[in-house]
Every structure is written in structure tokens, then in C-alpha cells.
Amino acid sequence: SMSERIEEADMTADEIAAYKAGYD
């Protein structure tokens, strides 16, 4: 919340996989 937020449309497949792993 204090730096640039990157949304899904601008994320790599690996970054999305990392988000999913954290969520799961």
C-alpha cells in the first residue's frame, strides 16, 4: 500500500502462480 500496485493484467504467469500458492 505504499508503493506501486501491480494488477493481474500486468503480472507474469509465475507471479500469478505465486499469488495463487499464497492464497491456497
PDBML (XML) file of the C-alpha atoms, coordinates in Angstrom:
<?xml version="1.0" encoding="UTF-8" ?>
<PDBx:datablock datablockName="MODEL"
   xmlns:PDBx="http://pdbml.pdb.org/schema/pdbx-v50.xsd"
   xmlns:xsi="http://www.w3.org/2001/XMLSchema-instance"
   xsi:schemaLocation="http://pdbml.pdb.org/schema/pdbx-v50.xsd pdbx-v50.xsd">
   <PDBx:atom_siteCategory>
      <PDBx:atom_site id="1">
         <PDBx:B_iso_or_equiv>0.00</PDBx:B_iso_or_equiv>
         <PDBx:Cartn_x>0.000</PDBx:Cartn_x>
         <PDBx:Cartn_y>0.000</PDBx:Cartn_y>
         <PDBx:Cartn_z>0.000</PDBx:Cartn_z>
         <PDBx:auth_asym_id>A</PDBx:auth_asym_id>
         <PDBx:auth_atom_id>CA</PDBx:auth_atom_id>
         <PDBx:auth_comp_id>SER</PDBx:auth_comp_id>
         <PDBx:auth_seq_id>1</PDBx:auth_seq_id>
         <PDBx:group_PDB>ATOM</PDBx:group_PDB>
         <PDBx:label_alt_id xsi:nil="true" />
         <PDBx:label_asym_id>A</PDBx:label_asym_id>
         <PDBx:label_atom_id>CA</PDBx:label_atom_id>
         <PDBx:label_comp_id>SER</PDBx:label_comp_id>
         <PDBx:label_entity_id>1</PDBx:label_entity_id>
         <PDBx:label_seq_id>1</PDBx:label_seq_id>
         <PDBx:occupancy>1.00</PDBx:occupancy>
         <PDBx:pdbx_PDB_model_num>1</PDBx:pdbx_PDB_model_num>
         <PDBx:type_symbol>C</PDBx:type_symbol>
      </PDBx:atom_site>
      <PDBx:atom_site id="2">
         <PDBx:B_iso_or_equiv>0.00</PDBx:B_iso_or_equiv>
         <PDBx:Cartn_x>2.989</PDBx:Cartn_x>
         <PDBx:Cartn_y>2.366</PDBx:Cartn_y>
         <PDBx:Cartn_z>-0.062</PDBx:Cartn_z>
         <PDBx:auth_asym_id>A</PDBx:auth_asym_id>
         <PDBx:auth_atom_id>CA</PDBx:auth_atom_id>
         <PDBx:auth_comp_id>MET</PDBx:auth_comp_id>
         <PDBx:auth_seq_id>2</PDBx:auth_seq_id>
         <PDBx:group_PDB>ATOM</PDBx:group_PDB>
         <PDBx:label_alt_id xsi:nil="true" />
         <PDBx:label_asym_id>A</PDBx:label_asym_id>
         <PDBx:label_atom_id>CA</PDBx:label_atom_id>
         <PDBx:label_comp_id>MET</PDBx:label_comp_id>
         <PDBx:label_entity_id>1</PDBx:label_entity_id>
         <PDBx:label_seq_id>2</PDBx:label_seq_id>
         <PDBx:occupancy>1.00</PDBx:occupancy>
         <PDBx:pdbx_PDB_model_num>1</PDBx:pdbx_PDB_model_num>
         <PDBx:type_symbol>C</PDBx:type_symbol>
      </PDBx:atom_site>
      <PDBx:atom_site id="3">
         <PDBx:B_iso_or_equiv>0.00</PDBx:B_iso_or_equiv>
         <PDBx:Cartn_x>4.356</PDBx:Cartn_x>
         <PDBx:Cartn_y>1.515</PDBx:Cartn_y>
         <PDBx:Cartn_z>-3.490</PDBx:Cartn_z>
         <PDBx:auth_asym_id>A</PDBx:auth_asym_id>
         <PDBx:auth_atom_id>CA</PDBx:auth_atom_id>
         <PDBx:auth_comp_id>SER</PDBx:auth_comp_id>
         <PDBx:auth_seq_id>3</PDBx:auth_seq_id>
         <PDBx:group_PDB>ATOM</PDBx:group_PDB>
         <PDBx:label_alt_id xsi:nil="true" />
         <PDBx:label_asym_id>A</PDBx:label_asym_id>
         <PDBx:label_atom_id>CA</PDBx:label_atom_id>
         <PDBx:label_comp_id>SER</PDBx:label_comp_id>
         <PDBx:label_entity_id>1</PDBx:label_entity_id>
         <PDBx:label_seq_id>3</PDBx:label_seq_id>
         <PDBx:occupancy>1.00</PDBx:occupancy>
         <PDBx:pdbx_PDB_model_num>1</PDBx:pdbx_PDB_model_num>
         <PDBx:type_symbol>C</PDBx:type_symbol>
      </PDBx:atom_site>
      <PDBx:atom_site id="4">
         <PDBx:B_iso_or_equiv>0.00</PDBx:B_iso_or_equiv>
         <PDBx:Cartn_x>3.074</PDBx:Cartn_x>
         <PDBx:Cartn_y>0.821</PDBx:Cartn_y>
         <PDBx:Cartn_z>-6.982</PDBx:Cartn_z>
         <PDBx:auth_asym_id>A</PDBx:auth_asym_id>
         <PDBx:auth_atom_id>CA</PDBx:auth_atom_id>
         <PDBx:auth_comp_id>GLU</PDBx:auth_comp_id>
         <PDBx:auth_seq_id>4</PDBx:auth_seq_id>
         <PDBx:group_PDB>ATOM</PDBx:group_PDB>
         <PDBx:label_alt_id xsi:nil="true" />
         <PDBx:label_asym_id>A</PDBx:label_asym_id>
         <PDBx:label_atom_id>CA</PDBx:label_atom_id>
         <PDBx:label_comp_id>GLU</PDBx:label_comp_id>
         <PDBx:label_entity_id>1</PDBx:label_entity_id>
         <PDBx:label_seq_id>4</PDBx:label_seq_id>
         <PDBx:occupancy>1.00</PDBx:occupancy>
         <PDBx:pdbx_PDB_model_num>1</PDBx:pdbx_PDB_model_num>
         <PDBx:type_symbol>C</PDBx:type_symbol>
      </PDBx:atom_site>
      <PDBx:atom_site id="5">
         <PDBx:B_iso_or_equiv>0.00</PDBx:B_iso_or_equiv>
         <PDBx:Cartn_x>0.384</PDBx:Cartn_x>
         <PDBx:Cartn_y>-1.872</PDBx:Cartn_y>
         <PDBx:Cartn_z>-7.108</PDBx:Cartn_z>
         <PDBx:auth_asym_id>A</PDBx:auth_asym_id>
         <PDBx:auth_atom_id>CA</PDBx:auth_atom_id>
         <PDBx:auth_comp_id>ARG</PDBx:auth_comp_id>
         <PDBx:auth_seq_id>5</PDBx:auth_seq_id>
         <PDBx:group_PDB>ATOM</PDBx:group_PDB>
         <PDBx:label_alt_id xsi:nil="true" />
         <PDBx:label_asym_id>A</PDBx:label_asym_id>
         <PDBx:label_atom_id>CA</PDBx:label_atom_id>
         <PDBx:label_comp_id>ARG</PDBx:label_comp_id>
         <PDBx:label_entity_id>1</PDBx:label_entity_id>
         <PDBx:label_seq_id>5</PDBx:label_seq_id>
         <PDBx:occupancy>1.00</PDBx:occupancy>
         <PDBx:pdbx_PDB_model_num>1</PDBx:pdbx_PDB_model_num>
         <PDBx:type_symbol>C</PDBx:type_symbol>
      </PDBx:atom_site>
      <PDBx:atom_site id="6">
         <PDBx:B_iso_or_equiv>0.00</PDBx:B_iso_or_equiv>
         <PDBx:Cartn_x>0.675</PDBx:Cartn_x>
         <PDBx:Cartn_y>-4.329</PDBx:Cartn_y>
         <PDBx:Cartn_z>-9.986</PDBx:Cartn_z>
         <PDBx:auth_asym_id>A</PDBx:auth_asym_id>
         <PDBx:auth_atom_id>CA</PDBx:auth_atom_id>
         <PDBx:auth_comp_id>ILE</PDBx:auth_comp_id>
         <PDBx:auth_seq_id>6</PDBx:auth_seq_id>
         <PDBx:group_PDB>ATOM</PDBx:group_PDB>
         <PDBx:label_alt_id xsi:nil="true" />
         <PDBx:label_asym_id>A</PDBx:label_asym_id>
         <PDBx:label_atom_id>CA</PDBx:label_atom_id>
         <PDBx:label_comp_id>ILE</PDBx:label_comp_id>
         <PDBx:label_entity_id>1</PDBx:label_entity_id>
         <PDBx:label_seq_id>6</PDBx:label_seq_id>
         <PDBx:occupancy>1.00</PDBx:occupancy>
         <PDBx:pdbx_PDB_model_num>1</PDBx:pdbx_PDB_model_num>
         <PDBx:type_symbol>C</PDBx:type_symbol>
      </PDBx:atom_site>
      <PDBx:atom_site id="7">
         <PDBx:B_iso_or_equiv>0.00</PDBx:B_iso_or_equiv>
         <PDBx:Cartn_x>-2.619</PDBx:Cartn_x>
         <PDBx:Cartn_y>-5.825</PDBx:Cartn_y>
         <PDBx:Cartn_z>-11.184</PDBx:Cartn_z>
         <PDBx:auth_asym_id>A</PDBx:auth_asym_id>
         <PDBx:auth_atom_id>CA</PDBx:auth_atom_id>
         <PDBx:auth_comp_id>GLU</PDBx:auth_comp_id>
         <PDBx:auth_seq_id>7</PDBx:auth_seq_id>
         <PDBx:group_PDB>ATOM</PDBx:group_PDB>
         <PDBx:label_alt_id xsi:nil="true" />
         <PDBx:label_asym_id>A</PDBx:label_asym_id>
         <PDBx:label_atom_id>CA</PDBx:label_atom_id>
         <PDBx:label_comp_id>GLU</PDBx:label_comp_id>
         <PDBx:label_entity_id>1</PDBx:label_entity_id>
         <PDBx:label_seq_id>7</PDBx:label_seq_id>
         <PDBx:occupancy>1.00</PDBx:occupancy>
         <PDBx:pdbx_PDB_model_num>1</PDBx:pdbx_PDB_model_num>
         <PDBx:type_symbol>C</PDBx:type_symbol>
      </PDBx:atom_site>
      <PDBx:atom_site id="8">
         <PDBx:B_iso_or_equiv>0.00</PDBx:B_iso_or_equiv>
         <PDBx:Cartn_x>-3.180</PDBx:Cartn_x>
         <PDBx:Cartn_y>-9.271</PDBx:Cartn_y>
         <PDBx:Cartn_z>-12.680</PDBx:Cartn_z>
         <PDBx:auth_asym_id>A</PDBx:auth_asym_id>
         <PDBx:auth_atom_id>CA</PDBx:auth_atom_id>
         <PDBx:auth_comp_id>GLU</PDBx:auth_comp_id>
         <PDBx:auth_seq_id>8</PDBx:auth_seq_id>
         <PDBx:group_PDB>ATOM</PDBx:group_PDB>
         <PDBx:label_alt_id xsi:nil="true" />
         <PDBx:label_asym_id>A</PDBx:label_asym_id>
         <PDBx:label_atom_id>CA</PDBx:label_atom_id>
         <PDBx:label_comp_id>GLU</PDBx:label_comp_id>
         <PDBx:label_entity_id>1</PDBx:label_entity_id>
         <PDBx:label_seq_id>8</PDBx:label_seq_id>
         <PDBx:occupancy>1.00</PDBx:occupancy>
         <PDBx:pdbx_PDB_model_num>1</PDBx:pdbx_PDB_model_num>
         <PDBx:type_symbol>C</PDBx:type_symbol>
      </PDBx:atom_site>
      <PDBx:atom_site id="9">
         <PDBx:B_iso_or_equiv>0.00</PDBx:B_iso_or_equiv>
         <PDBx:Cartn_x>-3.170</PDBx:Cartn_x>
         <PDBx:Cartn_y>-7.961</PDBx:Cartn_y>
         <PDBx:Cartn_z>-16.267</PDBx:Cartn_z>
         <PDBx:auth_asym_id>A</PDBx:auth_asym_id>
         <PDBx:auth_atom_id>CA</PDBx:auth_atom_id>
         <PDBx:auth_comp_id>ALA</PDBx:auth_comp_id>
         <PDBx:auth_seq_id>9</PDBx:auth_seq_id>
         <PDBx:group_PDB>ATOM</PDBx:group_PDB>
         <PDBx:label_alt_id xsi:nil="true" />
         <PDBx:label_asym_id>A</PDBx:label_asym_id>
         <PDBx:label_atom_id>CA</PDBx:label_atom_id>
         <PDBx:label_comp_id>ALA</PDBx:label_comp_id>
         <PDBx:label_entity_id>1</PDBx:label_entity_id>
         <PDBx:label_seq_id>9</PDBx:label_seq_id>
         <PDBx:occupancy>1.00</PDBx:occupancy>
         <PDBx:pdbx_PDB_model_num>1</PDBx:pdbx_PDB_model_num>
         <PDBx:type_symbol>C</PDBx:type_symbol>
      </PDBx:atom_site>
      <PDBx:atom_site id="10">
         <PDBx:B_iso_or_equiv>0.00</PDBx:B_iso_or_equiv>
         <PDBx:Cartn_x>0.433</PDBx:Cartn_x>
         <PDBx:Cartn_y>-6.845</PDBx:Cartn_y>
         <PDBx:Cartn_z>-15.771</PDBx:Cartn_z>
         <PDBx:auth_asym_id>A</PDBx:auth_asym_id>
         <PDBx:auth_atom_id>CA</PDBx:auth_atom_id>
         <PDBx:auth_comp_id>ASP</PDBx:auth_comp_id>
         <PDBx:auth_seq_id>10</PDBx:auth_seq_id>
         <PDBx:group_PDB>ATOM</PDBx:group_PDB>
         <PDBx:label_alt_id xsi:nil="true" />
         <PDBx:label_asym_id>A</PDBx:label_asym_id>
         <PDBx:label_atom_id>CA</PDBx:label_atom_id>
         <PDBx:label_comp_id>ASP</PDBx:label_comp_id>
         <PDBx:label_entity_id>1</PDBx:label_entity_id>
         <PDBx:label_seq_id>10</PDBx:label_seq_id>
         <PDBx:occupancy>1.00</PDBx:occupancy>
         <PDBx:pdbx_PDB_model_num>1</PDBx:pdbx_PDB_model_num>
         <PDBx:type_symbol>C</PDBx:type_symbol>
      </PDBx:atom_site>
      <PDBx:atom_site id="11">
         <PDBx:B_iso_or_equiv>0.00</PDBx:B_iso_or_equiv>
         <PDBx:Cartn_x>1.648</PDBx:Cartn_x>
         <PDBx:Cartn_y>-9.906</PDBx:Cartn_y>
         <PDBx:Cartn_z>-13.862</PDBx:Cartn_z>
         <PDBx:auth_asym_id>A</PDBx:auth_asym_id>
         <PDBx:auth_atom_id>CA</PDBx:auth_atom_id>
         <PDBx:auth_comp_id>MET</PDBx:auth_comp_id>
         <PDBx:auth_seq_id>11</PDBx:auth_seq_id>
         <PDBx:group_PDB>ATOM</PDBx:group_PDB>
         <PDBx:label_alt_id xsi:nil="true" />
         <PDBx:label_asym_id>A</PDBx:label_asym_id>
         <PDBx:label_atom_id>CA</PDBx:label_atom_id>
         <PDBx:label_comp_id>MET</PDBx:label_comp_id>
         <PDBx:label_entity_id>1</PDBx:label_entity_id>
         <PDBx:label_seq_id>11</PDBx:label_seq_id>
         <PDBx:occupancy>1.00</PDBx:occupancy>
         <PDBx:pdbx_PDB_model_num>1</PDBx:pdbx_PDB_model_num>
         <PDBx:type_symbol>C</PDBx:type_symbol>
      </PDBx:atom_site>
      <PDBx:atom_site id="12">
         <PDBx:B_iso_or_equiv>0.00</PDBx:B_iso_or_equiv>
         <PDBx:Cartn_x>3.682</PDBx:Cartn_x>
         <PDBx:Cartn_y>-12.769</PDBx:Cartn_y>
         <PDBx:Cartn_z>-15.289</PDBx:Cartn_z>
         <PDBx:auth_asym_id>A</PDBx:auth_asym_id>
         <PDBx:auth_atom_id>CA</PDBx:auth_atom_id>
         <PDBx:auth_comp_id>THR</PDBx:auth_comp_id>
         <PDBx:auth_seq_id>12</PDBx:auth_seq_id>
         <PDBx:group_PDB>ATOM</PDBx:group_PDB>
         <PDBx:label_alt_id xsi:nil="true" />
         <PDBx:label_asym_id>A</PDBx:label_asym_id>
         <PDBx:label_atom_id>CA</PDBx:label_atom_id>
         <PDBx:label_comp_id>THR</PDBx:label_comp_id>
         <PDBx:label_entity_id>1</PDBx:label_entity_id>
         <PDBx:label_seq_id>12</PDBx:label_seq_id>
         <PDBx:occupancy>1.00</PDBx:occupancy>
         <PDBx:pdbx_PDB_model_num>1</PDBx:pdbx_PDB_model_num>
         <PDBx:type_symbol>C</PDBx:type_symbol>
      </PDBx:atom_site>
      <PDBx:atom_site id="13">
         <PDBx:B_iso_or_equiv>0.00</PDBx:B_iso_or_equiv>
         <PDBx:Cartn_x>2.449</PDBx:Cartn_x>
         <PDBx:Cartn_y>-16.354</PDBx:Cartn_y>
         <PDBx:Cartn_z>-15.143</PDBx:Cartn_z>
         <PDBx:auth_asym_id>A</PDBx:auth_asym_id>
         <PDBx:auth_atom_id>CA</PDBx:auth_atom_id>
         <PDBx:auth_comp_id>ALA</PDBx:auth_comp_id>
         <PDBx:auth_seq_id>13</PDBx:auth_seq_id>
         <PDBx:group_PDB>ATOM</PDBx:group_PDB>
         <PDBx:label_alt_id xsi:nil="true" />
         <PDBx:label_asym_id>A</PDBx:label_asym_id>
         <PDBx:label_atom_id>CA</PDBx:label_atom_id>
         <PDBx:label_comp_id>ALA</PDBx:label_comp_id>
         <PDBx:label_entity_id>1</PDBx:label_entity_id>
         <PDBx:label_seq_id>13</PDBx:label_seq_id>
         <PDBx:occupancy>1.00</PDBx:occupancy>
         <PDBx:pdbx_PDB_model_num>1</PDBx:pdbx_PDB_model_num>
         <PDBx:type_symbol>C</PDBx:type_symbol>
      </PDBx:atom_site>
      <PDBx:atom_site id="14">
         <PDBx:B_iso_or_equiv>0.00</PDBx:B_iso_or_equiv>
         <PDBx:Cartn_x>4.988</PDBx:Cartn_x>
         <PDBx:Cartn_y>-17.029</PDBx:Cartn_y>
         <PDBx:Cartn_z>-12.349</PDBx:Cartn_z>
         <PDBx:auth_asym_id>A</PDBx:auth_asym_id>
         <PDBx:auth_atom_id>CA</PDBx:auth_atom_id>
         <PDBx:auth_comp_id>ASP</PDBx:auth_comp_id>
         <PDBx:auth_seq_id>14</PDBx:auth_seq_id>
         <PDBx:group_PDB>ATOM</PDBx:group_PDB>
         <PDBx:label_alt_id xsi:nil="true" />
         <PDBx:label_asym_id>A</PDBx:label_asym_id>
         <PDBx:label_atom_id>CA</PDBx:label_atom_id>
         <PDBx:label_comp_id>ASP</PDBx:label_comp_id>
         <PDBx:label_entity_id>1</PDBx:label_entity_id>
         <PDBx:label_seq_id>14</PDBx:label_seq_id>
         <PDBx:occupancy>1.00</PDBx:occupancy>
         <PDBx:pdbx_PDB_model_num>1</PDBx:pdbx_PDB_model_num>
         <PDBx:type_symbol>C</PDBx:type_symbol>
      </PDBx:atom_site>
      <PDBx:atom_site id="15">
         <PDBx:B_iso_or_equiv>0.00</PDBx:B_iso_or_equiv>
         <PDBx:Cartn_x>3.746</PDBx:Cartn_x>
         <PDBx:Cartn_y>-14.059</PDBx:Cartn_y>
         <PDBx:Cartn_z>-10.316</PDBx:Cartn_z>
         <PDBx:auth_asym_id>A</PDBx:auth_asym_id>
         <PDBx:auth_atom_id>CA</PDBx:auth_atom_id>
         <PDBx:auth_comp_id>GLU</PDBx:auth_comp_id>
         <PDBx:auth_seq_id>15</PDBx:auth_seq_id>
         <PDBx:group_PDB>ATOM</PDBx:group_PDB>
         <PDBx:label_alt_id xsi:nil="true" />
         <PDBx:label_asym_id>A</PDBx:label_asym_id>
         <PDBx:label_atom_id>CA</PDBx:label_atom_id>
         <PDBx:label_comp_id>GLU</PDBx:label_comp_id>
         <PDBx:label_entity_id>1</PDBx:label_entity_id>
         <PDBx:label_seq_id>15</PDBx:label_seq_id>
         <PDBx:occupancy>1.00</PDBx:occupancy>
         <PDBx:pdbx_PDB_model_num>1</PDBx:pdbx_PDB_model_num>
         <PDBx:type_symbol>C</PDBx:type_symbol>
      </PDBx:atom_site>
      <PDBx:atom_site id="16">
         <PDBx:B_iso_or_equiv>0.00</PDBx:B_iso_or_equiv>
         <PDBx:Cartn_x>0.145</PDBx:Cartn_x>
         <PDBx:Cartn_y>-15.225</PDBx:Cartn_y>
         <PDBx:Cartn_z>-10.659</PDBx:Cartn_z>
         <PDBx:auth_asym_id>A</PDBx:auth_asym_id>
         <PDBx:auth_atom_id>CA</PDBx:auth_atom_id>
         <PDBx:auth_comp_id>ILE</PDBx:auth_comp_id>
         <PDBx:auth_seq_id>16</PDBx:auth_seq_id>
         <PDBx:group_PDB>ATOM</PDBx:group_PDB>
         <PDBx:label_alt_id xsi:nil="true" />
         <PDBx:label_asym_id>A</PDBx:label_asym_id>
         <PDBx:label_atom_id>CA</PDBx:label_atom_id>
         <PDBx:label_comp_id>ILE</PDBx:label_comp_id>
         <PDBx:label_entity_id>1</PDBx:label_entity_id>
         <PDBx:label_seq_id>16</PDBx:label_seq_id>
         <PDBx:occupancy>1.00</PDBx:occupancy>
         <PDBx:pdbx_PDB_model_num>1</PDBx:pdbx_PDB_model_num>
         <PDBx:type_symbol>C</PDBx:type_symbol>
      </PDBx:atom_site>
      <PDBx:atom_site id="17">
         <PDBx:B_iso_or_equiv>0.00</PDBx:B_iso_or_equiv>
         <PDBx:Cartn_x>1.200</PDBx:Cartn_x>
         <PDBx:Cartn_y>-18.739</PDBx:Cartn_y>
         <PDBx:Cartn_z>-9.627</PDBx:Cartn_z>
         <PDBx:auth_asym_id>A</PDBx:auth_asym_id>
         <PDBx:auth_atom_id>CA</PDBx:auth_atom_id>
         <PDBx:auth_comp_id>ALA</PDBx:auth_comp_id>
         <PDBx:auth_seq_id>17</PDBx:auth_seq_id>
         <PDBx:group_PDB>ATOM</PDBx:group_PDB>
         <PDBx:label_alt_id xsi:nil="true" />
         <PDBx:label_asym_id>A</PDBx:label_asym_id>
         <PDBx:label_atom_id>CA</PDBx:label_atom_id>
         <PDBx:label_comp_id>ALA</PDBx:label_comp_id>
         <PDBx:label_entity_id>1</PDBx:label_entity_id>
         <PDBx:label_seq_id>17</PDBx:label_seq_id>
         <PDBx:occupancy>1.00</PDBx:occupancy>
         <PDBx:pdbx_PDB_model_num>1</PDBx:pdbx_PDB_model_num>
         <PDBx:type_symbol>C</PDBx:type_symbol>
      </PDBx:atom_site>
      <PDBx:atom_site id="18">
         <PDBx:B_iso_or_equiv>0.00</PDBx:B_iso_or_equiv>
         <PDBx:Cartn_x>2.918</PDBx:Cartn_x>
         <PDBx:Cartn_y>-17.287</PDBx:Cartn_y>
         <PDBx:Cartn_z>-6.533</PDBx:Cartn_z>
         <PDBx:auth_asym_id>A</PDBx:auth_asym_id>
         <PDBx:auth_atom_id>CA</PDBx:auth_atom_id>
         <PDBx:auth_comp_id>ALA</PDBx:auth_comp_id>
         <PDBx:auth_seq_id>18</PDBx:auth_seq_id>
         <PDBx:group_PDB>ATOM</PDBx:group_PDB>
         <PDBx:label_alt_id xsi:nil="true" />
         <PDBx:label_asym_id>A</PDBx:label_asym_id>
         <PDBx:label_atom_id>CA</PDBx:label_atom_id>
         <PDBx:label_comp_id>ALA</PDBx:label_comp_id>
         <PDBx:label_entity_id>1</PDBx:label_entity_id>
         <PDBx:label_seq_id>18</PDBx:label_seq_id>
         <PDBx:occupancy>1.00</PDBx:occupancy>
         <PDBx:pdbx_PDB_model_num>1</PDBx:pdbx_PDB_model_num>
         <PDBx:type_symbol>C</PDBx:type_symbol>
      </PDBx:atom_site>
      <PDBx:atom_site id="19">
         <PDBx:B_iso_or_equiv>0.00</PDBx:B_iso_or_equiv>
         <PDBx:Cartn_x>-0.224</PDBx:Cartn_x>
         <PDBx:Cartn_y>-15.329</PDBx:Cartn_y>
         <PDBx:Cartn_z>-5.598</PDBx:Cartn_z>
         <PDBx:auth_asym_id>A</PDBx:auth_asym_id>
         <PDBx:auth_atom_id>CA</PDBx:auth_atom_id>
         <PDBx:auth_comp_id>TYR</PDBx:auth_comp_id>
         <PDBx:auth_seq_id>19</PDBx:auth_seq_id>
         <PDBx:group_PDB>ATOM</PDBx:group_PDB>
         <PDBx:label_alt_id xsi:nil="true" />
         <PDBx:label_asym_id>A</PDBx:label_asym_id>
         <PDBx:label_atom_id>CA</PDBx:label_atom_id>
         <PDBx:label_comp_id>TYR</PDBx:label_comp_id>
         <PDBx:label_entity_id>1</PDBx:label_entity_id>
         <PDBx:label_seq_id>19</PDBx:label_seq_id>
         <PDBx:occupancy>1.00</PDBx:occupancy>
         <PDBx:pdbx_PDB_model_num>1</PDBx:pdbx_PDB_model_num>
         <PDBx:type_symbol>C</PDBx:type_symbol>
      </PDBx:atom_site>
      <PDBx:atom_site id="20">
         <PDBx:B_iso_or_equiv>0.00</PDBx:B_iso_or_equiv>
         <PDBx:Cartn_x>-2.346</PDBx:Cartn_x>
         <PDBx:Cartn_y>-18.483</PDBx:Cartn_y>
         <PDBx:Cartn_z>-6.051</PDBx:Cartn_z>
         <PDBx:auth_asym_id>A</PDBx:auth_asym_id>
         <PDBx:auth_atom_id>CA</PDBx:auth_atom_id>
         <PDBx:auth_comp_id>LYS</PDBx:auth_comp_id>
         <PDBx:auth_seq_id>20</PDBx:auth_seq_id>
         <PDBx:group_PDB>ATOM</PDBx:group_PDB>
         <PDBx:label_alt_id xsi:nil="true" />
         <PDBx:label_asym_id>A</PDBx:label_asym_id>
         <PDBx:label_atom_id>CA</PDBx:label_atom_id>
         <PDBx:label_comp_id>LYS</PDBx:label_comp_id>
         <PDBx:label_entity_id>1</PDBx:label_entity_id>
         <PDBx:label_seq_id>20</PDBx:label_seq_id>
         <PDBx:occupancy>1.00</PDBx:occupancy>
         <PDBx:pdbx_PDB_model_num>1</PDBx:pdbx_PDB_model_num>
         <PDBx:type_symbol>C</PDBx:type_symbol>
      </PDBx:atom_site>
      <PDBx:atom_site id="21">
         <PDBx:B_iso_or_equiv>0.00</PDBx:B_iso_or_equiv>
         <PDBx:Cartn_x>0.066</PDBx:Cartn_x>
         <PDBx:Cartn_y>-20.543</PDBx:Cartn_y>
         <PDBx:Cartn_z>-3.946</PDBx:Cartn_z>
         <PDBx:auth_asym_id>A</PDBx:auth_asym_id>
         <PDBx:auth_atom_id>CA</PDBx:auth_atom_id>
         <PDBx:auth_comp_id>ALA</PDBx:auth_comp_id>
         <PDBx:auth_seq_id>21</PDBx:auth_seq_id>
         <PDBx:group_PDB>ATOM</PDBx:group_PDB>
         <PDBx:label_alt_id xsi:nil="true" />
         <PDBx:label_asym_id>A</PDBx:label_asym_id>
         <PDBx:label_atom_id>CA</PDBx:label_atom_id>
         <PDBx:label_comp_id>ALA</PDBx:label_comp_id>
         <PDBx:label_entity_id>1</PDBx:label_entity_id>
         <PDBx:label_seq_id>21</PDBx:label_seq_id>
         <PDBx:occupancy>1.00</PDBx:occupancy>
         <PDBx:pdbx_PDB_model_num>1</PDBx:pdbx_PDB_model_num>
         <PDBx:type_symbol>C</PDBx:type_symbol>
      </PDBx:atom_site>
      <PDBx:atom_site id="22">
         <PDBx:B_iso_or_equiv>0.00</PDBx:B_iso_or_equiv>
         <PDBx:Cartn_x>-0.095</PDBx:Cartn_x>
         <PDBx:Cartn_y>-17.979</PDBx:Cartn_y>
         <PDBx:Cartn_z>-1.127</PDBx:Cartn_z>
         <PDBx:auth_asym_id>A</PDBx:auth_asym_id>
         <PDBx:auth_atom_id>CA</PDBx:auth_atom_id>
         <PDBx:auth_comp_id>GLY</PDBx:auth_comp_id>
         <PDBx:auth_seq_id>22</PDBx:auth_seq_id>
         <PDBx:group_PDB>ATOM</PDBx:group_PDB>
         <PDBx:label_alt_id xsi:nil="true" />
         <PDBx:label_asym_id>A</PDBx:label_asym_id>
         <PDBx:label_atom_id>CA</PDBx:label_atom_id>
         <PDBx:label_comp_id>GLY</PDBx:label_comp_id>
         <PDBx:label_entity_id>1</PDBx:label_entity_id>
         <PDBx:label_seq_id>22</PDBx:label_seq_id>
         <PDBx:occupancy>1.00</PDBx:occupancy>
         <PDBx:pdbx_PDB_model_num>1</PDBx:pdbx_PDB_model_num>
         <PDBx:type_symbol>C</PDBx:type_symbol>
      </PDBx:atom_site>
      <PDBx:atom_site id="23">
         <PDBx:B_iso_or_equiv>0.00</PDBx:B_iso_or_equiv>
         <PDBx:Cartn_x>-3.877</PDBx:Cartn_x>
         <PDBx:Cartn_y>-17.888</PDBx:Cartn_y>
         <PDBx:Cartn_z>-1.342</PDBx:Cartn_z>
         <PDBx:auth_asym_id>A</PDBx:auth_asym_id>
         <PDBx:auth_atom_id>CA</PDBx:auth_atom_id>
         <PDBx:auth_comp_id>TYR</PDBx:auth_comp_id>
         <PDBx:auth_seq_id>23</PDBx:auth_seq_id>
         <PDBx:group_PDB>ATOM</PDBx:group_PDB>
         <PDBx:label_alt_id xsi:nil="true" />
         <PDBx:label_asym_id>A</PDBx:label_asym_id>
         <PDBx:label_atom_id>CA</PDBx:label_atom_id>
         <PDBx:label_comp_id>TYR</PDBx:label_comp_id>
         <PDBx:label_entity_id>1</PDBx:label_entity_id>
         <PDBx:label_seq_id>23</PDBx:label_seq_id>
         <PDBx:occupancy>1.00</PDBx:occupancy>
         <PDBx:pdbx_PDB_model_num>1</PDBx:pdbx_PDB_model_num>
         <PDBx:type_symbol>C</PDBx:type_symbol>
      </PDBx:atom_site>
      <PDBx:atom_site id="24">
         <PDBx:B_iso_or_equiv>0.00</PDBx:B_iso_or_equiv>
         <PDBx:Cartn_x>-4.207</PDBx:Cartn_x>
         <PDBx:Cartn_y>-21.683</PDBx:Cartn_y>
         <PDBx:Cartn_z>-1.388</PDBx:Cartn_z>
         <PDBx:auth_asym_id>A</PDBx:auth_asym_id>
         <PDBx:auth_atom_id>CA</PDBx:auth_atom_id>
         <PDBx:auth_comp_id>ASP</PDBx:auth_comp_id>
         <PDBx:auth_seq_id>24</PDBx:auth_seq_id>
         <PDBx:group_PDB>ATOM</PDBx:group_PDB>
         <PDBx:label_alt_id xsi:nil="true" />
         <PDBx:label_asym_id>A</PDBx:label_asym_id>
         <PDBx:label_atom_id>CA</PDBx:label_atom_id>
         <PDBx:label_comp_id>ASP</PDBx:label_comp_id>
         <PDBx:label_entity_id>1</PDBx:label_entity_id>
         <PDBx:label_seq_id>24</PDBx:label_seq_id>
         <PDBx:occupancy>1.00</PDBx:occupancy>
         <PDBx:pdbx_PDB_model_num>1</PDBx:pdbx_PDB_model_num>
         <PDBx:type_symbol>C</PDBx:type_symbol>
      </PDBx:atom_site>
   </PDBx:atom_siteCategory>
</PDBx:datablock>
